Amino acid sequence: MNFSQNFFELFQLTPHFDVDEAELSERFQRLQRRIHPDRFVGQGAQAERLATQWATHINEAFATLSDRLRRAIYLLSMQAIDLEENPSLSGEFLMEQITLRESLDAAEKSGDPQVIEDFIAEIEGDSEQVAKAFGELFESKAYDEALQRVYQLQFLKKLMQSARAAEDRLLGY
């Protein structure tokens, strides 16, 4: 195994946004069985330490590639494109954020868990559309536009977390 491999190479996958999650999971399990630190017990401290490092590396790679936001960010980083701390976003996007936050507040104030569930379903649909757009833009090497989709995905992920927390509050969890 080679620590200089990117995460896609580690799993013998082509670097694409669309990943076959079942295949990724199977390859992850195969690598973990091969390199699990328990297999190296008694083979010396160096072998055990190296196995632990590999297991950690494999876990990080799997966590990155199995999460579409992290995968998108990783793909951009492979193109030497990093996210900005305070990116300049379009006024339209900022207004959309405000509108969606207000919709979430209204859904929570309704006191009806179904209203929150409907909101969550809407956000999941929006996330799917933005993720699809990211994949298409990335494949066509429109990296600046793809980066904007990552910022949208980040916002939608945070909004989804807030919506799930609101749902938990309404359900008394």
C-alpha atoms as a PDB file:
ATOM      1  CA  MET A   1       0.000   0.000   0.000  1.00  0.00           C
ATOM      2  CA  ASN A   2       1.096   3.493  -0.758  1.00  0.00           C
ATOM      3  CA  PHE A   3       0.277   6.525   1.413  1.00  0.00           C
ATOM      4  CA  SER A   4       0.790   8.853  -1.551  1.00  0.00           C
ATOM      5  CA  GLN A   5      -2.260   7.422  -3.345  1.00  0.00           C
ATOM      6  CA  ASN A   6      -5.314   9.632  -3.415  1.00  0.00           C
ATOM      7  CA  PHE A   7      -8.473   8.242  -1.845  1.00  0.00           C
ATOM      8  CA  PHE A   8      -9.896   7.110  -5.176  1.00  0.00           C
ATOM      9  CA  GLU A   9      -6.696   5.232  -6.033  1.00  0.00           C
ATOM     10  CA  LEU A  10      -6.736   3.622  -2.606  1.00  0.00           C
ATOM     11  CA  PHE A  11     -10.119   2.076  -3.422  1.00  0.00           C
ATOM     12  CA  GLN A  12      -9.213   1.538  -7.085  1.00  0.00           C
ATOM     13  CA  LEU A  13     -11.962   3.898  -8.252  1.00  0.00           C
ATOM     14  CA  THR A  14     -11.975   6.502 -10.990  1.00  0.00           C
ATOM     15  CA  PRO A  15     -12.114  10.028  -9.530  1.00  0.00           C
ATOM     16  CA  HIS A  16     -15.748  10.950 -10.183  1.00  0.00           C
ATOM     17  CA  PHE A  17     -18.384  12.595  -8.079  1.00  0.00           C
ATOM     18  CA  ASP A  18     -20.833   9.779  -8.690  1.00  0.00           C
ATOM     19  CA  VAL A  19     -19.564   6.825  -6.694  1.00  0.00           C
ATOM     20  CA  ASP A  20     -21.145   3.408  -6.501  1.00  0.00           C
ATOM     21  CA  GLU A  21     -21.606   3.317  -2.738  1.00  0.00           C
ATOM     22  CA  ALA A  22     -22.078  -0.462  -2.594  1.00  0.00           C
ATOM     23  CA  GLU A  23     -18.802  -0.975  -4.475  1.00  0.00           C
ATOM     24  CA  LEU A  24     -17.046   1.574  -2.260  1.00  0.00           C
ATOM     25  CA  SER A  25     -18.318  -0.182   0.866  1.00  0.00           C
ATOM     26  CA  GLU A  26     -17.238  -3.595  -0.405  1.00  0.00           C
ATOM     27  CA  ARG A  27     -13.748  -2.329  -1.248  1.00  0.00           C
ATOM     28  CA  PHE A  28     -13.514  -0.611   2.148  1.00  0.00           C
ATOM     29  CA  GLN A  29     -14.374  -3.853   3.946  1.00  0.00           C
ATOM     30  CA  ARG A  30     -11.887  -5.792   1.838  1.00  0.00           C
ATOM     31  CA  LEU A  31      -9.100  -3.301   2.672  1.00  0.00           C
ATOM     32  CA  GLN A  32     -10.013  -3.288   6.344  1.00  0.00           C
ATOM     33  CA  ARG A  33      -9.862  -7.079   6.524  1.00  0.00           C
ATOM     34  CA  ARG A  34      -6.449  -7.016   4.869  1.00  0.00           C
ATOM     35  CA  ILE A  35      -4.894  -4.268   6.995  1.00  0.00           C
ATOM     36  CA  HIS A  36      -6.799  -4.424  10.297  1.00  0.00           C
ATOM     37  CA  PRO A  37      -4.359  -3.854  13.194  1.00  0.00           C
ATOM     38  CA  ASP A  38      -5.499  -7.051  14.949  1.00  0.00           C
ATOM     39  CA  ARG A  39      -3.919  -9.052  12.120  1.00  0.00           C
ATOM     40  CA  PHE A  40      -0.503  -7.628  13.038  1.00  0.00           C
ATOM     41  CA  VAL A  41      -0.526  -8.277  16.775  1.00  0.00           C
ATOM     42  CA  GLY A  42       2.699  -9.978  17.758  1.00  0.00           C
ATOM     43  CA  GLN A  43       4.558  -8.912  14.614  1.00  0.00           C
ATOM     44  CA  GLY A  44       6.377  -6.096  16.328  1.00  0.00           C
ATOM     45  CA  ALA A  45       5.638  -2.524  17.291  1.00  0.00           C
ATOM     46  CA  GLN A  46       6.509  -1.127  13.871  1.00  0.00           C
ATOM     47  CA  ALA A  47       4.138  -3.499  12.016  1.00  0.00           C
ATOM     48  CA  GLU A  48       1.351  -2.772  14.504  1.00  0.00           C
ATOM     49  CA  ARG A  49       1.908   1.003  14.238  1.00  0.00           C
ATOM     50  CA  LEU A  50       1.934   0.867  10.429  1.00  0.00           C
ATOM     51  CA  ALA A  51      -1.274  -1.200  10.387  1.00  0.00           C
ATOM     52  CA  THR A  52      -2.939   1.328  12.701  1.00  0.00           C
ATOM     53  CA  GLN A  53      -1.838   4.181  10.431  1.00  0.00           C
ATOM     54  CA  TRP A  54      -3.210   2.358   7.399  1.00  0.00           C
ATOM     55  CA  ALA A  55      -6.503   1.588   9.126  1.00  0.00           C
ATOM     56  CA  THR A  56      -6.857   5.247  10.080  1.00  0.00           C
ATOM     57  CA  HIS A  57      -6.037   6.336   6.529  1.00  0.00           C
ATOM     58  CA  ILE A  58      -8.543   3.878   5.059  1.00  0.00           C
ATOM     59  CA  ASN A  59     -11.238   5.027   7.496  1.00  0.00           C
ATOM     60  CA  GLU A  60     -10.632   8.668   6.572  1.00  0.00           C
ATOM     61  CA  ALA A  61     -10.725   7.850   2.867  1.00  0.00           C
ATOM     62  CA  PHE A  62     -13.984   5.944   3.257  1.00  0.00           C
ATOM     63  CA  ALA A  63     -15.578   8.703   5.360  1.00  0.00           C
ATOM     64  CA  THR A  64     -14.597  11.247   2.718  1.00  0.00           C
ATOM     65  CA  LEU A  65     -15.741   9.312  -0.323  1.00  0.00           C
ATOM     66  CA  SER A  66     -18.993   8.079   1.223  1.00  0.00           C
ATOM     67  CA  ASP A  67     -20.195  11.612   2.069  1.00  0.00           C
ATOM     68  CA  ARG A  68     -21.121  13.596  -1.044  1.00  0.00           C
ATOM     69  CA  LEU A  69     -20.190  17.003   0.405  1.00  0.00           C
ATOM     70  CA  ARG A  70     -16.813  15.775   1.636  1.00  0.00           C
ATOM     71  CA  ARG A  71     -16.299  13.951  -1.678  1.00  0.00           C
ATOM     72  CA  ALA A  72     -17.051  17.144  -3.636  1.00  0.00           C
ATOM     73  CA  ILE A  73     -14.608  19.141  -1.515  1.00  0.00           C
ATOM     74  CA  TYR A  74     -11.987  16.411  -1.943  1.00  0.00           C
ATOM     75  CA  LEU A  75     -12.419  16.341  -5.711  1.00  0.00           C
ATOM     76  CA  LEU A  76     -11.928  20.102  -5.858  1.00  0.00           C
ATOM     77  CA  SER A  77      -8.856  19.843  -3.633  1.00  0.00           C
ATOM     78  CA  MET A  78      -7.420  17.339  -6.119  1.00  0.00           C
ATOM     79  CA  GLN A  79      -7.644  20.212  -8.634  1.00  0.00           C
ATOM     80  CA  ALA A  80      -5.883  22.549  -6.147  1.00  0.00           C
ATOM     81  CA  ILE A  81      -9.153  24.371  -5.424  1.00  0.00           C
ATOM     82  CA  ASP A  82      -9.768  25.085  -1.774  1.00  0.00           C
ATOM     83  CA  LEU A  83     -12.858  26.492  -0.120  1.00  0.00           C
ATOM     84  CA  GLU A  84     -12.691  30.063   1.105  1.00  0.00           C
ATOM     85  CA  GLU A  85     -13.435  31.032   4.700  1.00  0.00           C
ATOM     86  CA  ASN A  86     -15.745  33.865   3.627  1.00  0.00           C
ATOM     87  CA  PRO A  87     -16.627  33.292  -0.010  1.00  0.00           C
ATOM     88  CA  SER A  88     -18.418  35.920  -2.021  1.00  0.00           C
ATOM     89  CA  LEU A  89     -21.796  34.468  -2.859  1.00  0.00           C
ATOM     90  CA  SER A  90     -24.452  35.782  -5.180  1.00  0.00           C
ATOM     91  CA  GLY A  91     -27.231  37.938  -3.794  1.00  0.00           C
ATOM     92  CA  GLU A  92     -29.721  35.417  -5.149  1.00  0.00           C
ATOM     93  CA  PHE A  93     -28.098  32.621  -3.138  1.00  0.00           C
ATOM     94  CA  LEU A  94     -28.041  34.739   0.015  1.00  0.00           C
ATOM     95  CA  MET A  95     -31.735  35.593  -0.408  1.00  0.00           C
ATOM     96  CA  GLU A  96     -32.496  31.904  -0.901  1.00  0.00           C
ATOM     97  CA  GLN A  97     -30.721  31.147   2.386  1.00  0.00           C
ATOM     98  CA  ILE A  98     -32.806  33.737   4.212  1.00  0.00           C
ATOM     99  CA  THR A  99     -36.036  32.448   2.678  1.00  0.00           C
ATOM    100  CA  LEU A 100     -35.252  28.839   3.564  1.00  0.00           C
ATOM    101  CA  ARG A 101     -34.314  29.755   7.147  1.00  0.00           C
ATOM    102  CA  GLU A 102     -37.594  31.656   7.478  1.00  0.00           C
ATOM    103  CA  SER A 103     -39.458  28.632   6.073  1.00  0.00           C
ATOM    104  CA  LEU A 104     -37.797  26.409   8.656  1.00  0.00           C
ATOM    105  CA  ASP A 105     -38.749  28.806  11.456  1.00  0.00           C
ATOM    106  CA  ALA A 106     -42.356  28.840  10.232  1.00  0.00           C
ATOM    107  CA  ALA A 107     -42.405  25.039   9.978  1.00  0.00           C
ATOM    108  CA  GLU A 108     -41.181  24.708  13.545  1.00  0.00           C
ATOM    109  CA  LYS A 109     -43.614  27.319  14.843  1.00  0.00           C
ATOM    110  CA  SER A 110     -46.470  25.416  13.214  1.00  0.00           C
ATOM    111  CA  GLY A 111     -45.975  22.723  15.842  1.00  0.00           C
ATOM    112  CA  ASP A 112     -46.816  20.078  13.257  1.00  0.00           C
ATOM    113  CA  PRO A 113     -44.118  17.429  12.744  1.00  0.00           C
ATOM    114  CA  GLN A 114     -45.518  16.709   9.262  1.00  0.00           C
ATOM    115  CA  VAL A 115     -44.734  20.262   8.184  1.00  0.00           C
ATOM    116  CA  ILE A 116     -41.109  19.750   9.272  1.00  0.00           C
ATOM    117  CA  GLU A 117     -40.985  16.360   7.511  1.00  0.00           C
ATOM    118  CA  ASP A 118     -42.241  18.010   4.311  1.00  0.00           C
ATOM    119  CA  PHE A 119     -39.602  20.721   4.688  1.00  0.00           C
ATOM    120  CA  ILE A 120     -36.895  18.072   5.164  1.00  0.00           C
ATOM    121  CA  ALA A 121     -38.069  16.240   2.036  1.00  0.00           C
ATOM    122  CA  GLU A 122     -37.893  19.500   0.088  1.00  0.00           C
ATOM    123  CA  ILE A 123     -34.351  20.191   1.305  1.00  0.00           C
ATOM    124  CA  GLU A 124     -33.302  16.625   0.444  1.00  0.00           C
ATOM    125  CA  GLY A 125     -34.634  17.182  -3.083  1.00  0.00           C
ATOM    126  CA  ASP A 126     -32.798  20.491  -3.357  1.00  0.00           C
ATOM    127  CA  SER A 127     -29.595  18.811  -2.159  1.00  0.00           C
ATOM    128  CA  GLU A 128     -29.951  16.082  -4.772  1.00  0.00           C
ATOM    129  CA  GLN A 129     -30.342  18.685  -7.525  1.00  0.00           C
ATOM    130  CA  VAL A 130     -27.344  20.710  -6.342  1.00  0.00           C
ATOM    131  CA  ALA A 131     -25.225  17.558  -6.018  1.00  0.00           C
ATOM    132  CA  LYS A 132     -26.181  16.494  -9.537  1.00  0.00           C
ATOM    133  CA  ALA A 133     -25.262  19.961 -10.825  1.00  0.00           C
ATOM    134  CA  PHE A 134     -21.921  19.747  -9.014  1.00  0.00           C
ATOM    135  CA  GLY A 135     -21.165  16.403 -10.661  1.00  0.00           C
ATOM    136  CA  GLU A 136     -21.966  17.737 -14.127  1.00  0.00           C
ATOM    137  CA  LEU A 137     -19.977  20.932 -13.614  1.00  0.00           C
ATOM    138  CA  PHE A 138     -16.997  19.064 -12.196  1.00  0.00           C
ATOM    139  CA  GLU A 139     -16.965  16.587 -15.070  1.00  0.00           C
ATOM    140  CA  SER A 140     -17.043  19.465 -17.563  1.00  0.00           C
ATOM    141  CA  LYS A 141     -14.168  21.138 -15.666  1.00  0.00           C
ATOM    142  CA  ALA A 142     -16.296  24.181 -14.757  1.00  0.00           C
ATOM    143  CA  TYR A 143     -14.563  24.286 -11.385  1.00  0.00           C
ATOM    144  CA  ASP A 144     -15.564  27.812 -10.343  1.00  0.00           C
ATOM    145  CA  GLU A 145     -19.234  26.987 -10.808  1.00  0.00           C
ATOM    146  CA  ALA A 146     -18.745  23.596  -9.146  1.00  0.00           C
ATOM    147  CA  LEU A 147     -17.221  25.400  -6.158  1.00  0.00           C
ATOM    148  CA  GLN A 148     -20.374  27.517  -5.860  1.00  0.00           C
ATOM    149  CA  ARG A 149     -22.418  24.305  -5.716  1.00  0.00           C
ATOM    150  CA  VAL A 150     -20.249  23.089  -2.843  1.00  0.00           C
ATOM    151  CA  TYR A 151     -21.108  26.249  -0.918  1.00  0.00           C
ATOM    152  CA  GLN A 152     -24.770  25.534  -1.627  1.00  0.00           C
ATOM    153  CA  LEU A 153     -24.376  21.947  -0.440  1.00  0.00           C
ATOM    154  CA  GLN A 154     -22.721  23.175   2.758  1.00  0.00           C
ATOM    155  CA  PHE A 155     -25.626  25.509   3.446  1.00  0.00           C
ATOM    156  CA  LEU A 156     -28.220  22.828   2.693  1.00  0.00           C
ATOM    157  CA  LYS A 157     -26.435  20.332   4.959  1.00  0.00           C
ATOM    158  CA  LYS A 158     -26.471  22.815   7.846  1.00  0.00           C
ATOM    159  CA  LEU A 159     -30.100  23.635   7.133  1.00  0.00           C
ATOM    160  CA  MET A 160     -30.934  19.926   7.157  1.00  0.00           C
ATOM    161  CA  GLN A 161     -29.231  19.531  10.538  1.00  0.00           C
ATOM    162  CA  SER A 162     -31.267  22.448  11.879  1.00  0.00           C
ATOM    163  CA  ALA A 163     -34.466  20.958  10.456  1.00  0.00           C
ATOM    164  CA  ARG A 164     -33.779  17.586  12.055  1.00  0.00           C
ATOM    165  CA  ALA A 165     -33.068  19.298  15.383  1.00  0.00           C
ATOM    166  CA  ALA A 166     -36.376  21.199  15.057  1.00  0.00           C
ATOM    167  CA  GLU A 167     -38.139  17.923  14.306  1.00  0.00           C
ATOM    168  CA  ASP A 168     -36.570  16.354  17.418  1.00  0.00           C
ATOM    169  CA  ARG A 169     -37.742  19.298  19.529  1.00  0.00           C
ATOM    170  CA  LEU A 170     -41.288  18.963  18.187  1.00  0.00           C
ATOM    171  CA  LEU A 171     -41.292  15.216  18.872  1.00  0.00           C
ATOM    172  CA  GLY A 172     -39.840  15.701  22.347  1.00  0.00           C
ATOM    173  CA  TYR A 173     -36.546  13.840  21.780  1.00  0.00           C
END
